[in-house]
Amino acid sequence: MPHRDTDALIVDDETDVCWALGHILKGCGFTSISANSGEQALAFAEARRLRLIFVDAKLPDFDGIELARRLREKNPGAPIVLISGYFYRDDIEVHRAIATKVISGFVSKPFLHDEVRAVISRTLA
């Protein structure tokens, strides 16, 4: 399958979260696509070159950090931001994932638009 350009991938099983992140990304000049499962996200990542990826920490079919590892293999240059209502910024797993460059940033749910914009700026800098 040929690669198509899509700026950002949003992976979350909550459609409202996908919509909100997509709206914020559009305001920042990105095109985005949403996946509601890890398997769907991997298929999208296989078919597209991505500039930025948002991954929910808890999906029905995947642990978000493990999914981030697999997405990193398919799009090694794309920053991956973990979004979570379960983990906190100071959680050891989040720190480990950032230290090992599995993820590039973290946003907790519920998130503020400015917080998402700031993490986009930091991860793409």
C-alpha atoms as a PDB file:
ATOM      1  CA  MET A   1       0.000   0.000   0.000  1.00  0.00           C
ATOM      2  CA  PRO A   2       1.500   3.371  -0.950  1.00  0.00           C
ATOM      3  CA  HIS A   3       2.172   5.921   1.765  1.00  0.00           C
ATOM      4  CA  ARG A   4      -0.124   8.928   2.011  1.00  0.00           C
ATOM      5  CA  ASP A   5       0.707  12.043   3.938  1.00  0.00           C
ATOM      6  CA  THR A   6      -1.357  12.721   7.060  1.00  0.00           C
ATOM      7  CA  ASP A   7       0.037  15.060   9.650  1.00  0.00           C
ATOM      8  CA  ALA A   8      -1.348  13.541  12.843  1.00  0.00           C
ATOM      9  CA  LEU A   9      -2.870  10.336  14.179  1.00  0.00           C
ATOM     10  CA  ILE A  10      -5.156  10.370  17.221  1.00  0.00           C
ATOM     11  CA  VAL A  11      -5.703   7.016  18.941  1.00  0.00           C
ATOM     12  CA  ASP A  12      -8.465   6.928  21.550  1.00  0.00           C
ATOM     13  CA  ASP A  13     -11.546   4.772  22.074  1.00  0.00           C
ATOM     14  CA  GLU A  14     -13.506   7.849  23.218  1.00  0.00           C
ATOM     15  CA  THR A  15     -14.871   9.581  20.111  1.00  0.00           C
ATOM     16  CA  ASP A  16     -15.271  12.873  22.011  1.00  0.00           C
ATOM     17  CA  VAL A  17     -11.542  12.893  22.799  1.00  0.00           C
ATOM     18  CA  CYS A  18     -10.706  12.209  19.141  1.00  0.00           C
ATOM     19  CA  TRP A  19     -12.994  15.038  18.064  1.00  0.00           C
ATOM     20  CA  ALA A  20     -11.530  17.502  20.598  1.00  0.00           C
ATOM     21  CA  LEU A  21      -7.917  16.684  19.715  1.00  0.00           C
ATOM     22  CA  GLY A  22      -8.726  16.819  16.000  1.00  0.00           C
ATOM     23  CA  HIS A  23     -10.273  20.263  16.482  1.00  0.00           C
ATOM     24  CA  ILE A  24      -7.195  21.516  18.359  1.00  0.00           C
ATOM     25  CA  LEU A  25      -4.837  20.037  15.753  1.00  0.00           C
ATOM     26  CA  LYS A  26      -6.819  21.613  12.907  1.00  0.00           C
ATOM     27  CA  GLY A  27      -6.466  24.978  14.640  1.00  0.00           C
ATOM     28  CA  CYS A  28      -2.705  24.395  14.677  1.00  0.00           C
ATOM     29  CA  GLY A  29      -2.687  23.688  10.927  1.00  0.00           C
ATOM     30  CA  PHE A  30      -2.628  19.872  11.031  1.00  0.00           C
ATOM     31  CA  THR A  31      -4.695  17.337   9.161  1.00  0.00           C
ATOM     32  CA  SER A  32      -5.542  14.364  11.356  1.00  0.00           C
ATOM     33  CA  ILE A  33      -7.076  10.931  11.306  1.00  0.00           C
ATOM     34  CA  SER A  34      -8.532   9.076  14.294  1.00  0.00           C
ATOM     35  CA  ALA A  35      -8.304   5.425  15.269  1.00  0.00           C
ATOM     36  CA  ASN A  36     -10.495   3.864  17.948  1.00  0.00           C
ATOM     37  CA  SER A  37      -8.253   0.825  18.518  1.00  0.00           C
ATOM     38  CA  GLY A  38      -4.605  -0.109  18.539  1.00  0.00           C
ATOM     39  CA  GLU A  39      -5.008  -2.413  15.553  1.00  0.00           C
ATOM     40  CA  GLN A  40      -6.625   0.352  13.515  1.00  0.00           C
ATOM     41  CA  ALA A  41      -3.845   2.752  14.556  1.00  0.00           C
ATOM     42  CA  LEU A  42      -1.151   0.318  13.400  1.00  0.00           C
ATOM     43  CA  ALA A  43      -2.876  -0.065  10.033  1.00  0.00           C
ATOM     44  CA  PHE A  44      -3.070   3.725   9.610  1.00  0.00           C
ATOM     45  CA  ALA A  45       0.588   4.129  10.634  1.00  0.00           C
ATOM     46  CA  GLU A  46       1.594   1.504   8.086  1.00  0.00           C
ATOM     47  CA  ALA A  47      -0.121   3.410   5.272  1.00  0.00           C
ATOM     48  CA  ARG A  48       0.826   6.976   6.222  1.00  0.00           C
ATOM     49  CA  ARG A  49       3.777   9.157   7.057  1.00  0.00           C
ATOM     50  CA  LEU A  50       2.906  10.899  10.294  1.00  0.00           C
ATOM     51  CA  ARG A  51       4.349  14.031  11.876  1.00  0.00           C
ATOM     52  CA  LEU A  52       2.657  13.597  15.258  1.00  0.00           C
ATOM     53  CA  ILE A  53       0.802  10.850  17.145  1.00  0.00           C
ATOM     54  CA  PHE A  54      -1.475  11.036  20.201  1.00  0.00           C
ATOM     55  CA  VAL A  55      -2.074   7.689  21.958  1.00  0.00           C
ATOM     56  CA  ASP A  56      -4.487   6.935  24.792  1.00  0.00           C
ATOM     57  CA  ALA A  57      -2.820   5.033  27.639  1.00  0.00           C
ATOM     58  CA  LYS A  58      -5.662   2.509  27.981  1.00  0.00           C
ATOM     59  CA  LEU A  59      -7.319   1.025  24.906  1.00  0.00           C
ATOM     60  CA  PRO A  60      -9.534  -2.068  24.787  1.00  0.00           C
ATOM     61  CA  ASP A  61      -6.997  -3.973  22.661  1.00  0.00           C
ATOM     62  CA  PHE A  62      -3.652  -2.397  23.646  1.00  0.00           C
ATOM     63  CA  ASP A  63      -1.689  -0.828  26.451  1.00  0.00           C
ATOM     64  CA  GLY A  64      -0.862   2.667  25.209  1.00  0.00           C
ATOM     65  CA  ILE A  65       2.853   2.504  25.978  1.00  0.00           C
ATOM     66  CA  GLU A  66       3.190  -0.813  24.135  1.00  0.00           C
ATOM     67  CA  LEU A  67       1.232   0.632  21.218  1.00  0.00           C
ATOM     68  CA  ALA A  68       3.555   3.647  21.227  1.00  0.00           C
ATOM     69  CA  ARG A  69       6.533   1.277  20.899  1.00  0.00           C
ATOM     70  CA  ARG A  70       4.946  -0.401  17.875  1.00  0.00           C
ATOM     71  CA  LEU A  71       3.934   2.906  16.293  1.00  0.00           C
ATOM     72  CA  ARG A  72       7.501   4.184  16.820  1.00  0.00           C
ATOM     73  CA  GLU A  73       8.749   1.294  14.632  1.00  0.00           C
ATOM     74  CA  LYS A  74       6.414   2.318  11.800  1.00  0.00           C
ATOM     75  CA  ASN A  75       6.986   6.093  12.074  1.00  0.00           C
ATOM     76  CA  PRO A  76      10.364   6.511  13.822  1.00  0.00           C
ATOM     77  CA  GLY A  77      10.522  10.287  13.384  1.00  0.00           C
ATOM     78  CA  ALA A  78       7.036  11.125  14.644  1.00  0.00           C
ATOM     79  CA  PRO A  79       6.751  12.423  18.213  1.00  0.00           C
ATOM     80  CA  ILE A  80       4.257  10.380  20.235  1.00  0.00           C
ATOM     81  CA  VAL A  81       2.232  12.007  23.008  1.00  0.00           C
ATOM     82  CA  LEU A  82       0.585   9.766  25.603  1.00  0.00           C
ATOM     83  CA  ILE A  83      -2.832  10.961  26.793  1.00  0.00           C
ATOM     84  CA  SER A  84      -4.298   9.474  29.922  1.00  0.00           C
ATOM     85  CA  GLY A  85      -6.889   9.715  32.619  1.00  0.00           C
ATOM     86  CA  TYR A  86      -5.130   6.872  34.478  1.00  0.00           C
ATOM     87  CA  PHE A  87      -1.475   7.917  34.585  1.00  0.00           C
ATOM     88  CA  TYR A  88      -0.121  11.188  35.930  1.00  0.00           C
ATOM     89  CA  ARG A  89       2.795  13.258  34.683  1.00  0.00           C
ATOM     90  CA  ASP A  90       4.972  12.097  37.616  1.00  0.00           C
ATOM     91  CA  ASP A  91       4.126   8.387  37.162  1.00  0.00           C
ATOM     92  CA  ILE A  92       7.214   6.152  36.917  1.00  0.00           C
ATOM     93  CA  GLU A  93       5.931   4.452  33.738  1.00  0.00           C
ATOM     94  CA  VAL A  94       5.486   7.821  32.042  1.00  0.00           C
ATOM     95  CA  HIS A  95       8.998   8.927  33.073  1.00  0.00           C
ATOM     96  CA  ARG A  96      10.471   5.625  31.864  1.00  0.00           C
ATOM     97  CA  ALA A  97       8.664   5.906  28.501  1.00  0.00           C
ATOM     98  CA  ILE A  98       9.952   9.469  28.032  1.00  0.00           C
ATOM     99  CA  ALA A  99      13.500   8.549  29.119  1.00  0.00           C
ATOM    100  CA  THR A 100      13.623   5.654  26.643  1.00  0.00           C
ATOM    101  CA  LYS A 101      12.097   7.871  23.912  1.00  0.00           C
ATOM    102  CA  VAL A 102       9.052   5.640  23.487  1.00  0.00           C
ATOM    103  CA  ILE A 103       6.964   8.786  23.977  1.00  0.00           C
ATOM    104  CA  SER A 104       7.893  12.426  23.543  1.00  0.00           C
ATOM    105  CA  GLY A 105       5.291  13.982  25.806  1.00  0.00           C
ATOM    106  CA  PHE A 106       2.320  13.471  28.095  1.00  0.00           C
ATOM    107  CA  VAL A 107      -1.102  15.100  28.493  1.00  0.00           C
ATOM    108  CA  SER A 108      -3.540  14.159  31.241  1.00  0.00           C
ATOM    109  CA  LYS A 109      -7.306  13.946  30.767  1.00  0.00           C
ATOM    110  CA  PRO A 110      -9.241  16.089  30.957  1.00  0.00           C
ATOM    111  CA  PHE A 111      -6.920  18.381  29.031  1.00  0.00           C
ATOM    112  CA  LEU A 112      -6.954  22.077  28.256  1.00  0.00           C
ATOM    113  CA  HIS A 113      -6.533  23.304  24.669  1.00  0.00           C
ATOM    114  CA  ASP A 114      -3.504  25.374  25.704  1.00  0.00           C
ATOM    115  CA  GLU A 115      -1.898  22.305  27.279  1.00  0.00           C
ATOM    116  CA  VAL A 116      -2.257  20.349  24.024  1.00  0.00           C
ATOM    117  CA  ARG A 117      -0.911  23.258  21.981  1.00  0.00           C
ATOM    118  CA  ALA A 118       2.082  23.540  24.337  1.00  0.00           C
ATOM    119  CA  VAL A 119       2.933  19.833  24.076  1.00  0.00           C
ATOM    120  CA  ILE A 120       2.677  20.051  20.270  1.00  0.00           C
ATOM    121  CA  SER A 121       5.142  22.975  20.276  1.00  0.00           C
ATOM    122  CA  ARG A 122       7.548  21.209  22.646  1.00  0.00           C
ATOM    123  CA  THR A 123       7.526  17.869  20.832  1.00  0.00           C
ATOM    124  CA  LEU A 124       7.961  19.359  17.360  1.00  0.00           C
ATOM    125  CA  ALA A 125      10.683  21.828  18.418  1.00  0.00           C
END
